[in-house]
Amino acid sequence: MLSQKSCLTYAARGPHANPAAAGALQAMTFVSLNAAVVAERRSRTAGLLALLPLQLAAAASVAAWQGSEAEGRGDLRPYLLMQGLAGEQVVLLSAAS
């Protein structure tokens, strides 16, 4: 968990100080929103069951991005795929009801 002090420090420095941390935060936010929409539109159980795998996939996409950055390639495809799928699913689930 992030402490209040670390959140305030991050907010003061801005997302450009550590883009990987900003990407991880954004990825977790999108997939958590996705699981919340599943819980609201389908069932609470389905949303809770979807939360952990989605968060693990988001963390893996950020780790893949960081790994490719370390190699000098900077491959954002896994990260962008997770962001796109999460956003698309939220829209589709919201429109379905």
C-alpha atoms as a PDB file:
ATOM      1  CA  MET A   1       0.000   0.000   0.000  1.00  0.00           C
ATOM      2  CA  LEU A   2       1.077   3.530  -0.665  1.00  0.00           C
ATOM      3  CA  SER A   3       1.279   5.785   2.331  1.00  0.00           C
ATOM      4  CA  GLN A   4      -0.231   9.247   2.288  1.00  0.00           C
ATOM      5  CA  LYS A   5       3.264  10.766   2.328  1.00  0.00           C
ATOM      6  CA  SER A   6       4.411   8.754  -0.694  1.00  0.00           C
ATOM      7  CA  CYS A   7       1.245   9.682  -2.608  1.00  0.00           C
ATOM      8  CA  LEU A   8       1.776  13.372  -1.833  1.00  0.00           C
ATOM      9  CA  THR A   9       5.432  13.128  -2.810  1.00  0.00           C
ATOM     10  CA  TYR A  10       4.460  11.456  -6.101  1.00  0.00           C
ATOM     11  CA  ALA A  11       1.807  14.104  -6.760  1.00  0.00           C
ATOM     12  CA  ALA A  12       4.289  16.902  -6.088  1.00  0.00           C
ATOM     13  CA  ARG A  13       6.909  15.477  -8.455  1.00  0.00           C
ATOM     14  CA  GLY A  14       4.425  14.595 -11.155  1.00  0.00           C
ATOM     15  CA  PRO A  15       4.169  11.519 -13.375  1.00  0.00           C
ATOM     16  CA  HIS A  16       7.197  12.458 -15.483  1.00  0.00           C
ATOM     17  CA  ALA A  17       9.609  11.871 -12.601  1.00  0.00           C
ATOM     18  CA  ASN A  18       8.968   8.109 -12.812  1.00  0.00           C
ATOM     19  CA  PRO A  19       6.976   7.105 -15.906  1.00  0.00           C
ATOM     20  CA  ALA A  20       7.003   3.396 -14.988  1.00  0.00           C
ATOM     21  CA  ALA A  21       5.322   4.127 -11.650  1.00  0.00           C
ATOM     22  CA  ALA A  22       2.778   6.317 -13.408  1.00  0.00           C
ATOM     23  CA  GLY A  23       2.147   3.536 -15.922  1.00  0.00           C
ATOM     24  CA  ALA A  24       1.703   0.964 -13.173  1.00  0.00           C
ATOM     25  CA  LEU A  25      -0.717   3.225 -11.325  1.00  0.00           C
ATOM     26  CA  GLN A  26      -2.706   3.866 -14.489  1.00  0.00           C
ATOM     27  CA  ALA A  27      -2.755   0.179 -15.427  1.00  0.00           C
ATOM     28  CA  MET A  28      -4.038  -0.842 -11.992  1.00  0.00           C
ATOM     29  CA  THR A  29      -6.650   1.910 -12.099  1.00  0.00           C
ATOM     30  CA  PHE A  30      -7.988   0.817 -15.495  1.00  0.00           C
ATOM     31  CA  VAL A  31      -8.225  -2.870 -14.656  1.00  0.00           C
ATOM     32  CA  SER A  32      -9.793  -2.126 -11.269  1.00  0.00           C
ATOM     33  CA  LEU A  33     -12.394   0.013 -13.029  1.00  0.00           C
ATOM     34  CA  ASN A  34     -12.917  -2.858 -15.449  1.00  0.00           C
ATOM     35  CA  ALA A  35     -13.530  -5.318 -12.593  1.00  0.00           C
ATOM     36  CA  ALA A  36     -15.901  -2.830 -10.922  1.00  0.00           C
ATOM     37  CA  VAL A  37     -17.951  -2.535 -14.123  1.00  0.00           C
ATOM     38  CA  VAL A  38     -18.071  -6.332 -14.410  1.00  0.00           C
ATOM     39  CA  ALA A  39     -19.283  -6.498 -10.799  1.00  0.00           C
ATOM     40  CA  GLU A  40     -21.938  -3.862 -11.466  1.00  0.00           C
ATOM     41  CA  ARG A  41     -23.175  -5.132 -14.839  1.00  0.00           C
ATOM     42  CA  ARG A  42     -22.788  -8.904 -14.430  1.00  0.00           C
ATOM     43  CA  SER A  43     -22.351 -10.046 -10.848  1.00  0.00           C
ATOM     44  CA  ARG A  44     -20.329  -9.118  -7.810  1.00  0.00           C
ATOM     45  CA  THR A  45     -18.705 -12.540  -7.786  1.00  0.00           C
ATOM     46  CA  ALA A  46     -17.615 -12.217 -11.425  1.00  0.00           C
ATOM     47  CA  GLY A  47     -16.096  -8.808 -10.727  1.00  0.00           C
ATOM     48  CA  LEU A  48     -14.190 -10.047  -7.698  1.00  0.00           C
ATOM     49  CA  LEU A  49     -12.967 -13.125  -9.577  1.00  0.00           C
ATOM     50  CA  ALA A  50     -11.792 -10.932 -12.450  1.00  0.00           C
ATOM     51  CA  LEU A  51      -9.913  -8.446 -10.260  1.00  0.00           C
ATOM     52  CA  LEU A  52      -6.811 -10.462  -9.342  1.00  0.00           C
ATOM     53  CA  PRO A  53      -6.104 -11.908 -12.825  1.00  0.00           C
ATOM     54  CA  LEU A  54      -6.595  -8.474 -14.383  1.00  0.00           C
ATOM     55  CA  GLN A  55      -4.236  -6.860 -11.882  1.00  0.00           C
ATOM     56  CA  LEU A  56      -1.636  -9.572 -12.456  1.00  0.00           C
ATOM     57  CA  ALA A  57      -1.890  -9.092 -16.218  1.00  0.00           C
ATOM     58  CA  ALA A  58      -1.568  -5.314 -15.815  1.00  0.00           C
ATOM     59  CA  ALA A  59       1.494  -5.732 -13.588  1.00  0.00           C
ATOM     60  CA  ALA A  60       3.010  -8.147 -16.110  1.00  0.00           C
ATOM     61  CA  SER A  61       2.439  -5.666 -18.937  1.00  0.00           C
ATOM     62  CA  VAL A  62       4.207  -2.914 -16.978  1.00  0.00           C
ATOM     63  CA  ALA A  63       7.058  -5.316 -16.116  1.00  0.00           C
ATOM     64  CA  ALA A  64       7.401  -6.228 -19.805  1.00  0.00           C
ATOM     65  CA  TRP A  65       7.508  -2.543 -20.681  1.00  0.00           C
ATOM     66  CA  GLN A  66      10.174  -1.857 -18.038  1.00  0.00           C
ATOM     67  CA  GLY A  67      12.189  -4.865 -19.192  1.00  0.00           C
ATOM     68  CA  SER A  68      12.139  -3.691 -22.784  1.00  0.00           C
ATOM     69  CA  GLU A  69      13.118  -0.175 -21.636  1.00  0.00           C
ATOM     70  CA  ALA A  70      16.144  -1.631 -19.862  1.00  0.00           C
ATOM     71  CA  GLU A  71      17.138  -3.364 -23.106  1.00  0.00           C
ATOM     72  CA  GLY A  72      16.770  -0.099 -25.026  1.00  0.00           C
ATOM     73  CA  ARG A  73      13.750  -1.192 -27.063  1.00  0.00           C
ATOM     74  CA  GLY A  74      10.936   0.521 -25.122  1.00  0.00           C
ATOM     75  CA  ASP A  75       8.199  -1.846 -26.338  1.00  0.00           C
ATOM     76  CA  LEU A  76       4.828  -0.519 -25.148  1.00  0.00           C
ATOM     77  CA  ARG A  77       2.654  -3.063 -26.976  1.00  0.00           C
ATOM     78  CA  PRO A  78       1.771  -5.273 -23.954  1.00  0.00           C
ATOM     79  CA  TYR A  79       0.988  -2.200 -21.846  1.00  0.00           C
ATOM     80  CA  LEU A  80      -1.105  -0.562 -24.570  1.00  0.00           C
ATOM     81  CA  LEU A  81      -2.941  -3.838 -25.217  1.00  0.00           C
ATOM     82  CA  MET A  82      -3.955  -4.058 -21.544  1.00  0.00           C
ATOM     83  CA  GLN A  83      -5.058  -0.418 -21.511  1.00  0.00           C
ATOM     84  CA  GLY A  84      -7.012  -0.775 -24.746  1.00  0.00           C
ATOM     85  CA  LEU A  85      -8.737  -4.008 -23.762  1.00  0.00           C
ATOM     86  CA  ALA A  86      -9.685  -2.676 -20.335  1.00  0.00           C
ATOM     87  CA  GLY A  87     -11.118   0.515 -21.803  1.00  0.00           C
ATOM     88  CA  GLU A  88     -12.934  -1.313 -24.581  1.00  0.00           C
ATOM     89  CA  GLN A  89     -14.495  -3.806 -22.189  1.00  0.00           C
ATOM     90  CA  VAL A  90     -15.745  -1.029 -19.902  1.00  0.00           C
ATOM     91  CA  VAL A  91     -17.442   0.655 -22.862  1.00  0.00           C
ATOM     92  CA  LEU A  92     -18.954  -2.591 -24.151  1.00  0.00           C
ATOM     93  CA  LEU A  93     -20.238  -3.700 -20.747  1.00  0.00           C
ATOM     94  CA  SER A  94     -21.684  -0.261 -20.058  1.00  0.00           C
ATOM     95  CA  ALA A  95     -23.441  -0.182 -23.415  1.00  0.00           C
ATOM     96  CA  ALA A  96     -24.776  -3.752 -23.091  1.00  0.00           C
ATOM     97  CA  SER A  97     -27.136  -2.944 -20.241  1.00  0.00           C
END
